[in-house]
Structures are given as C-alpha cells and as structure tokens.
C-alpha cells in the first residue's frame, strides 16, 4: 500500500503533520490511527452471517 510513496514523500508528509499538529500531539495521533486501523481490520474479518443475524426474515418497511 505504501509502496508508491518514496522516502522523500513520507518525510515531507511527516514535516507537514508536525507543523500542523505539533510534536507533542504526534503520539496521540499515531495511537488513534492505530486503533482506527485495528477496528477497521476487525470489521473486515467479521463473518457476514454475524452481521445478518438480526435482519434475516424481517421487513424493513413501515406500515402507515
């Protein structure tokens, strides 16, 4: 995924992030990013049957 980015590009992005957020916020940002990626991977690895258990056999329309 990061194969298309070179070292120079990554350094430039890191410098821009440091300017925008400051060096003190970087560990917090990295932690949040890591947690987000972990949650995303967990959601991807879920079996589709777990997600459909509550909706099978029910109608989504309202009777008015």
PDB file of N, CA and C in Angstrom:
ATOM      1  N   UNK A   1       0.828  -1.186   0.000  1.00  0.00           N
ATOM      2  CA  UNK A   1       0.000   0.000   0.000  1.00  0.00           C
ATOM      3  C   UNK A   1       0.872   1.249   0.000  1.00  0.00           C
ATOM      4  N   UNK A   2       1.902   1.290   0.823  1.00  0.00           N
ATOM      5  CA  UNK A   2       2.786   2.445   0.851  1.00  0.00           C
ATOM      6  C   UNK A   2       3.917   2.303  -0.152  1.00  0.00           C
ATOM      7  N   UNK A   3       3.864   1.315  -1.003  1.00  0.00           N
ATOM      8  CA  UNK A   3       4.916   1.094  -1.967  1.00  0.00           C
ATOM      9  C   UNK A   3       5.054   2.217  -2.971  1.00  0.00           C
ATOM     10  N   UNK A   4       3.991   2.953  -3.220  1.00  0.00           N
ATOM     11  CA  UNK A   4       4.059   4.035  -4.197  1.00  0.00           C
ATOM     12  C   UNK A   4       4.661   5.306  -3.606  1.00  0.00           C
ATOM     13  N   UNK A   5       4.805   5.383  -2.287  1.00  0.00           N
ATOM     14  CA  UNK A   5       5.405   6.548  -1.644  1.00  0.00           C
ATOM     15  C   UNK A   5       6.890   6.303  -1.434  1.00  0.00           C
ATOM     16  N   UNK A   6       7.696   7.293  -1.777  1.00  0.00           N
ATOM     17  CA  UNK A   6       9.129   7.199  -1.536  1.00  0.00           C
ATOM     18  C   UNK A   6       9.479   7.802  -0.192  1.00  0.00           C
ATOM     19  N   UNK A   7      10.731   7.700   0.167  1.00  0.00           N
ATOM     20  CA  UNK A   7      11.205   8.238   1.438  1.00  0.00           C
ATOM     21  C   UNK A   7      11.005   9.744   1.512  1.00  0.00           C
ATOM     22  N   UNK A   8      11.287  10.421   0.420  1.00  0.00           N
ATOM     23  CA  UNK A   8      11.151  11.880   0.399  1.00  0.00           C
ATOM     24  C   UNK A   8       9.712  12.307   0.654  1.00  0.00           C
ATOM     25  N   UNK A   9       8.770  11.628   0.020  1.00  0.00           N
ATOM     26  CA  UNK A   9       7.358  11.976   0.207  1.00  0.00           C
ATOM     27  C   UNK A   9       6.917  11.758   1.647  1.00  0.00           C
ATOM     28  N   UNK A  10       7.346  10.643   2.240  1.00  0.00           N
ATOM     29  CA  UNK A  10       6.970  10.359   3.626  1.00  0.00           C
ATOM     30  C   UNK A  10       7.557  11.389   4.589  1.00  0.00           C
ATOM     31  N   UNK A  11       8.787  11.822   4.342  1.00  0.00           N
ATOM     32  CA  UNK A  11       9.403  12.843   5.195  1.00  0.00           C
ATOM     33  C   UNK A  11       8.657  14.162   5.068  1.00  0.00           C
ATOM     34  N   UNK A  12       8.278  14.525   3.848  1.00  0.00           N
ATOM     35  CA  UNK A  12       7.526  15.771   3.637  1.00  0.00           C
ATOM     36  C   UNK A  12       6.187  15.713   4.357  1.00  0.00           C
ATOM     37  N   UNK A  13       5.494  14.590   4.263  1.00  0.00           N
ATOM     38  CA  UNK A  13       4.203  14.435   4.948  1.00  0.00           C
ATOM     39  C   UNK A  13       4.394  14.526   6.455  1.00  0.00           C
ATOM     40  N   UNK A  14       5.428  13.895   6.988  1.00  0.00           N
ATOM     41  CA  UNK A  14       5.701  13.941   8.423  1.00  0.00           C
ATOM     42  C   UNK A  14       5.992  15.362   8.885  1.00  0.00           C
ATOM     43  N   UNK A  15       6.761  16.112   8.114  1.00  0.00           N
ATOM     44  CA  UNK A  15       7.067  17.502   8.465  1.00  0.00           C
ATOM     45  C   UNK A  15       5.800  18.346   8.458  1.00  0.00           C
ATOM     46  N   UNK A  16       4.946  18.154   7.474  1.00  0.00           N
ATOM     47  CA  UNK A  16       3.689  18.913   7.413  1.00  0.00           C
ATOM     48  C   UNK A  16       2.810  18.589   8.615  1.00  0.00           C
ATOM     49  N   UNK A  17       2.724  17.316   8.982  1.00  0.00           N
ATOM     50  CA  UNK A  17       1.924  16.917  10.144  1.00  0.00           C
ATOM     51  C   UNK A  17       2.494  17.533  11.413  1.00  0.00           C
ATOM     52  N   UNK A  18       3.823  17.550  11.538  1.00  0.00           N
ATOM     53  CA  UNK A  18       4.449  18.149  12.723  1.00  0.00           C
ATOM     54  C   UNK A  18       4.168  19.645  12.796  1.00  0.00           C
ATOM     55  N   UNK A  19       4.170  20.316  11.656  1.00  0.00           N
ATOM     56  CA  UNK A  19       3.878  21.750  11.641  1.00  0.00           C
ATOM     57  C   UNK A  19       2.427  22.003  12.025  1.00  0.00           C
ATOM     58  N   UNK A  20       1.519  21.195  11.498  1.00  0.00           N
ATOM     59  CA  UNK A  20       0.093  21.405  11.761  1.00  0.00           C
ATOM     60  C   UNK A  20      -0.299  21.056  13.194  1.00  0.00           C
ATOM     61  N   UNK A  21       0.197  19.944  13.706  1.00  0.00           N
ATOM     62  CA  UNK A  21      -0.269  19.449  14.998  1.00  0.00           C
ATOM     63  C   UNK A  21       0.739  19.607  16.128  1.00  0.00           C
ATOM     64  N   UNK A  22       1.978  19.819  15.831  1.00  0.00           N
ATOM     65  CA  UNK A  22       2.992  19.927  16.873  1.00  0.00           C
ATOM     66  C   UNK A  22       3.527  18.560  17.253  1.00  0.00           C
ATOM     67  N   UNK A  23       4.753  18.546  17.744  1.00  0.00           N
ATOM     68  CA  UNK A  23       5.422  17.284  18.065  1.00  0.00           C
ATOM     69  C   UNK A  23       4.782  16.582  19.262  1.00  0.00           C
ATOM     70  N   UNK A  24       4.149  17.335  20.153  1.00  0.00           N
ATOM     71  CA  UNK A  24       3.549  16.723  21.346  1.00  0.00           C
ATOM     72  C   UNK A  24       2.304  15.914  21.012  1.00  0.00           C
ATOM     73  N   UNK A  25       1.604  16.270  19.942  1.00  0.00           N
ATOM     74  CA  UNK A  25       0.373  15.571  19.581  1.00  0.00           C
ATOM     75  C   UNK A  25       0.618  14.341  18.716  1.00  0.00           C
ATOM     76  N   UNK A  26       1.804  14.187  18.166  1.00  0.00           N
ATOM     77  CA  UNK A  26       2.072  13.071  17.260  1.00  0.00           C
ATOM     78  C   UNK A  26       1.829  11.702  17.887  1.00  0.00           C
ATOM     79  N   UNK A  27       2.274  11.429  19.119  1.00  0.00           N
ATOM     80  CA  UNK A  27       1.983  10.109  19.698  1.00  0.00           C
ATOM     81  C   UNK A  27       0.479   9.841  19.839  1.00  0.00           C
ATOM     82  N   UNK A  28      -0.285  10.869  20.189  1.00  0.00           N
ATOM     83  CA  UNK A  28      -1.736  10.705  20.306  1.00  0.00           C
ATOM     84  C   UNK A  28      -2.358  10.411  18.947  1.00  0.00           C
ATOM     85  N   UNK A  29      -1.904  11.120  17.919  1.00  0.00           N
ATOM     86  CA  UNK A  29      -2.419  10.891  16.574  1.00  0.00           C
ATOM     87  C   UNK A  29      -2.077   9.490  16.087  1.00  0.00           C
ATOM     88  N   UNK A  30      -0.851   9.054  16.342  1.00  0.00           N
ATOM     89  CA  UNK A  30      -0.427   7.720  15.918  1.00  0.00           C
ATOM     90  C   UNK A  30      -1.227   6.638  16.642  1.00  0.00           C
ATOM     91  N   UNK A  31      -1.487   6.840  17.927  1.00  0.00           N
ATOM     92  CA  UNK A  31      -2.268   5.872  18.698  1.00  0.00           C
ATOM     93  C   UNK A  31      -3.694   5.789  18.156  1.00  0.00           C
ATOM     94  N   UNK A  32      -4.291   6.940  17.896  1.00  0.00           N
ATOM     95  CA  UNK A  32      -5.646   6.962  17.348  1.00  0.00           C
ATOM     96  C   UNK A  32      -5.715   6.317  15.975  1.00  0.00           C
ATOM     97  N   UNK A  33      -4.708   6.576  15.152  1.00  0.00           N
ATOM     98  CA  UNK A  33      -4.659   5.971  13.825  1.00  0.00           C
ATOM     99  C   UNK A  33      -4.527   4.457  13.932  1.00  0.00           C
ATOM    100  N   UNK A  34      -3.681   4.000  14.827  1.00  0.00           N
ATOM    101  CA  UNK A  34      -3.506   2.563  15.025  1.00  0.00           C
ATOM    102  C   UNK A  34      -4.776   1.885  15.508  1.00  0.00           C
ATOM    103  N   UNK A  35      -5.480   2.524  16.426  1.00  0.00           N
ATOM    104  CA  UNK A  35      -6.738   1.962  16.923  1.00  0.00           C
ATOM    105  C   UNK A  35      -7.788   1.932  15.821  1.00  0.00           C
ATOM    106  N   UNK A  36      -7.816   2.967  15.010  1.00  0.00           N
ATOM    107  CA  UNK A  36      -8.765   3.003  13.897  1.00  0.00           C
ATOM    108  C   UNK A  36      -8.499   1.901  12.889  1.00  0.00           C
ATOM    109  N   UNK A  37      -7.237   1.676  12.577  1.00  0.00           N
ATOM    110  CA  UNK A  37      -6.878   0.617  11.639  1.00  0.00           C
ATOM    111  C   UNK A  37      -7.233  -0.745  12.218  1.00  0.00           C
ATOM    112  N   UNK A  38      -6.997  -0.929  13.518  1.00  0.00           N
ATOM    113  CA  UNK A  38      -7.331  -2.194  14.173  1.00  0.00           C
ATOM    114  C   UNK A  38      -8.831  -2.461  14.112  1.00  0.00           C
ATOM    115  N   UNK A  39      -9.641  -1.451  14.407  1.00  0.00           N
ATOM    116  CA  UNK A  39     -11.096  -1.612  14.351  1.00  0.00           C
ATOM    117  C   UNK A  39     -11.560  -1.906  12.929  1.00  0.00           C
ATOM    118  N   UNK A  40     -10.952  -1.247  11.953  1.00  0.00           N
ATOM    119  CA  UNK A  40     -11.307  -1.476  10.558  1.00  0.00           C
ATOM    120  C   UNK A  40     -11.005  -2.912  10.154  1.00  0.00           C
ATOM    121  N   UNK A  41      -9.849  -3.427  10.559  1.00  0.00           N
ATOM    122  CA  UNK A  41      -9.484  -4.803  10.230  1.00  0.00           C
ATOM    123  C   UNK A  41     -10.412  -5.797  10.913  1.00  0.00           C
ATOM    124  N   UNK A  42     -10.802  -5.505  12.162  1.00  0.00           N
ATOM    125  CA  UNK A  42     -11.738  -6.386  12.865  1.00  0.00           C
ATOM    126  C   UNK A  42     -13.073  -6.435  12.134  1.00  0.00           C
ATOM    127  N   UNK A  43     -13.538  -5.278  11.666  1.00  0.00           N
ATOM    128  CA  UNK A  43     -14.811  -5.226  10.949  1.00  0.00           C
ATOM    129  C   UNK A  43     -14.722  -5.971   9.625  1.00  0.00           C
ATOM    130  N   UNK A  44     -13.589  -5.922   8.965  1.00  0.00           N
ATOM    131  CA  UNK A  44     -13.411  -6.636   7.709  1.00  0.00           C
ATOM    132  C   UNK A  44     -13.393  -8.141   7.921  1.00  0.00           C
ATOM    133  N   UNK A  45     -12.841  -8.588   9.037  1.00  0.00           N
ATOM    134  CA  UNK A  45     -12.700 -10.014   9.289  1.00  0.00           C
ATOM    135  C   UNK A  45     -13.951 -10.660   9.861  1.00  0.00           C
ATOM    136  N   UNK A  46     -14.963  -9.855  10.190  1.00  0.00           N
ATOM    137  CA  UNK A  46     -16.211 -10.417  10.703  1.00  0.00           C
ATOM    138  C   UNK A  46     -16.864 -11.287   9.638  1.00  0.00           C
ATOM    139  N   UNK A  47     -17.493 -12.338  10.088  1.00  0.00           N
ATOM    140  CA  UNK A  47     -18.218 -13.186   9.154  1.00  0.00           C
ATOM    141  C   UNK A  47     -19.521 -12.495   8.772  1.00  0.00           C
ATOM    142  N   UNK A  48     -19.907 -12.571   7.515  1.00  0.00           N
ATOM    143  CA  UNK A  48     -21.148 -11.911   7.080  1.00  0.00           C
ATOM    144  C   UNK A  48     -22.389 -12.427   7.797  1.00  0.00           C
ATOM    145  N   UNK A  49     -22.380 -13.676   8.255  1.00  0.00           N
ATOM    146  CA  UNK A  49     -23.549 -14.222   8.934  1.00  0.00           C
ATOM    147  C   UNK A  49     -23.789 -13.527  10.269  1.00  0.00           C
ATOM    148  N   UNK A  50     -22.727 -13.056  10.925  1.00  0.00           N
ATOM    149  CA  UNK A  50     -22.892 -12.349  12.192  1.00  0.00           C
ATOM    150  C   UNK A  50     -23.634 -11.037  11.990  1.00  0.00           C
ATOM    151  N   UNK A  51     -23.368 -10.371  10.883  1.00  0.00           N
ATOM    152  CA  UNK A  51     -23.996  -9.087  10.615  1.00  0.00           C
ATOM    153  C   UNK A  51     -25.451  -9.250  10.201  1.00  0.00           C
ATOM    154  N   UNK A  52     -25.808 -10.376   9.588  1.00  0.00           N
ATOM    155  CA  UNK A  52     -27.151 -10.565   9.051  1.00  0.00           C
ATOM    156  C   UNK A  52     -28.090 -11.287  10.009  1.00  0.00           C
ATOM    157  N   UNK A  53     -27.623 -11.702  11.172  1.00  0.00           N
ATOM    158  CA  UNK A  53     -28.458 -12.469  12.096  1.00  0.00           C
ATOM    159  C   UNK A  53     -29.700 -11.697  12.514  1.00  0.00           C
ATOM    160  N   UNK A  54     -29.571 -10.431  12.815  1.00  0.00           N
ATOM    161  CA  UNK A  54     -30.694  -9.650  13.299  1.00  0.00           C
ATOM    162  C   UNK A  54     -31.654  -9.220  12.217  1.00  0.00           C
ATOM    163  N   UNK A  55     -31.270  -9.284  10.948  1.00  0.00           N
ATOM    164  CA  UNK A  55     -32.128  -8.763   9.890  1.00  0.00           C
ATOM    165  C   UNK A  55     -32.776  -9.839   9.049  1.00  0.00           C
ATOM    166  N   UNK A  56     -32.430 -11.092   9.213  1.00  0.00           N
ATOM    167  CA  UNK A  56     -32.996 -12.127   8.363  1.00  0.00           C
ATOM    168  C   UNK A  56     -34.459 -12.376   8.715  1.00  0.00           C
ATOM    169  N   UNK A  57     -35.304 -12.368   7.681  1.00  0.00           N
ATOM    170  CA  UNK A  57     -36.709 -12.671   7.876  1.00  0.00           C
ATOM    171  C   UNK A  57     -37.557 -11.521   8.367  1.00  0.00           C
ATOM    172  N   UNK A  58     -37.024 -10.328   8.450  1.00  0.00           N
ATOM    173  CA  UNK A  58     -37.808  -9.189   8.897  1.00  0.00           C
ATOM    174  C   UNK A  58     -37.978  -8.211   7.757  1.00  0.00           C
ATOM    175  N   UNK A  59     -39.014  -7.440   7.834  1.00  0.00           N
ATOM    176  CA  UNK A  59     -39.301  -6.453   6.800  1.00  0.00           C
ATOM    177  C   UNK A  59     -38.829  -5.088   7.260  1.00  0.00           C
ATOM    178  N   UNK A  60     -38.245  -4.319   6.356  1.00  0.00           N
ATOM    179  CA  UNK A  60     -37.723  -3.004   6.703  1.00  0.00           C
ATOM    180  C   UNK A  60     -38.744  -1.900   6.448  1.00  0.00           C
ATOM    181  N   UNK A  61     -39.917  -2.241   5.935  1.00  0.00           N
ATOM    182  CA  UNK A  61     -40.910  -1.212   5.621  1.00  0.00           C
ATOM    183  C   UNK A  61     -41.807  -0.957   6.815  1.00  0.00           C
ATOM    184  N   UNK A  62     -42.311   0.282   6.892  1.00  0.00           N
ATOM    185  CA  UNK A  62     -43.236   0.654   7.961  1.00  0.00           C
ATOM    186  C   UNK A  62     -44.667   0.565   7.452  1.00  0.00           C
ATOM    187  N   UNK A  63     -45.560   0.151   8.318  1.00  0.00           N
ATOM    188  CA  UNK A  63     -46.981   0.172   7.986  1.00  0.00           C
ATOM    189  C   UNK A  63     -47.568   1.479   8.480  1.00  0.00           C
ATOM    190  N   UNK A  64     -48.168   2.240   7.574  1.00  0.00           N
ATOM    191  CA  UNK A  64     -48.736   3.537   7.962  1.00  0.00           C
ATOM    192  C   UNK A  64     -50.235   3.481   7.973  1.00  0.00           C
TER     193      UNK A  64
END
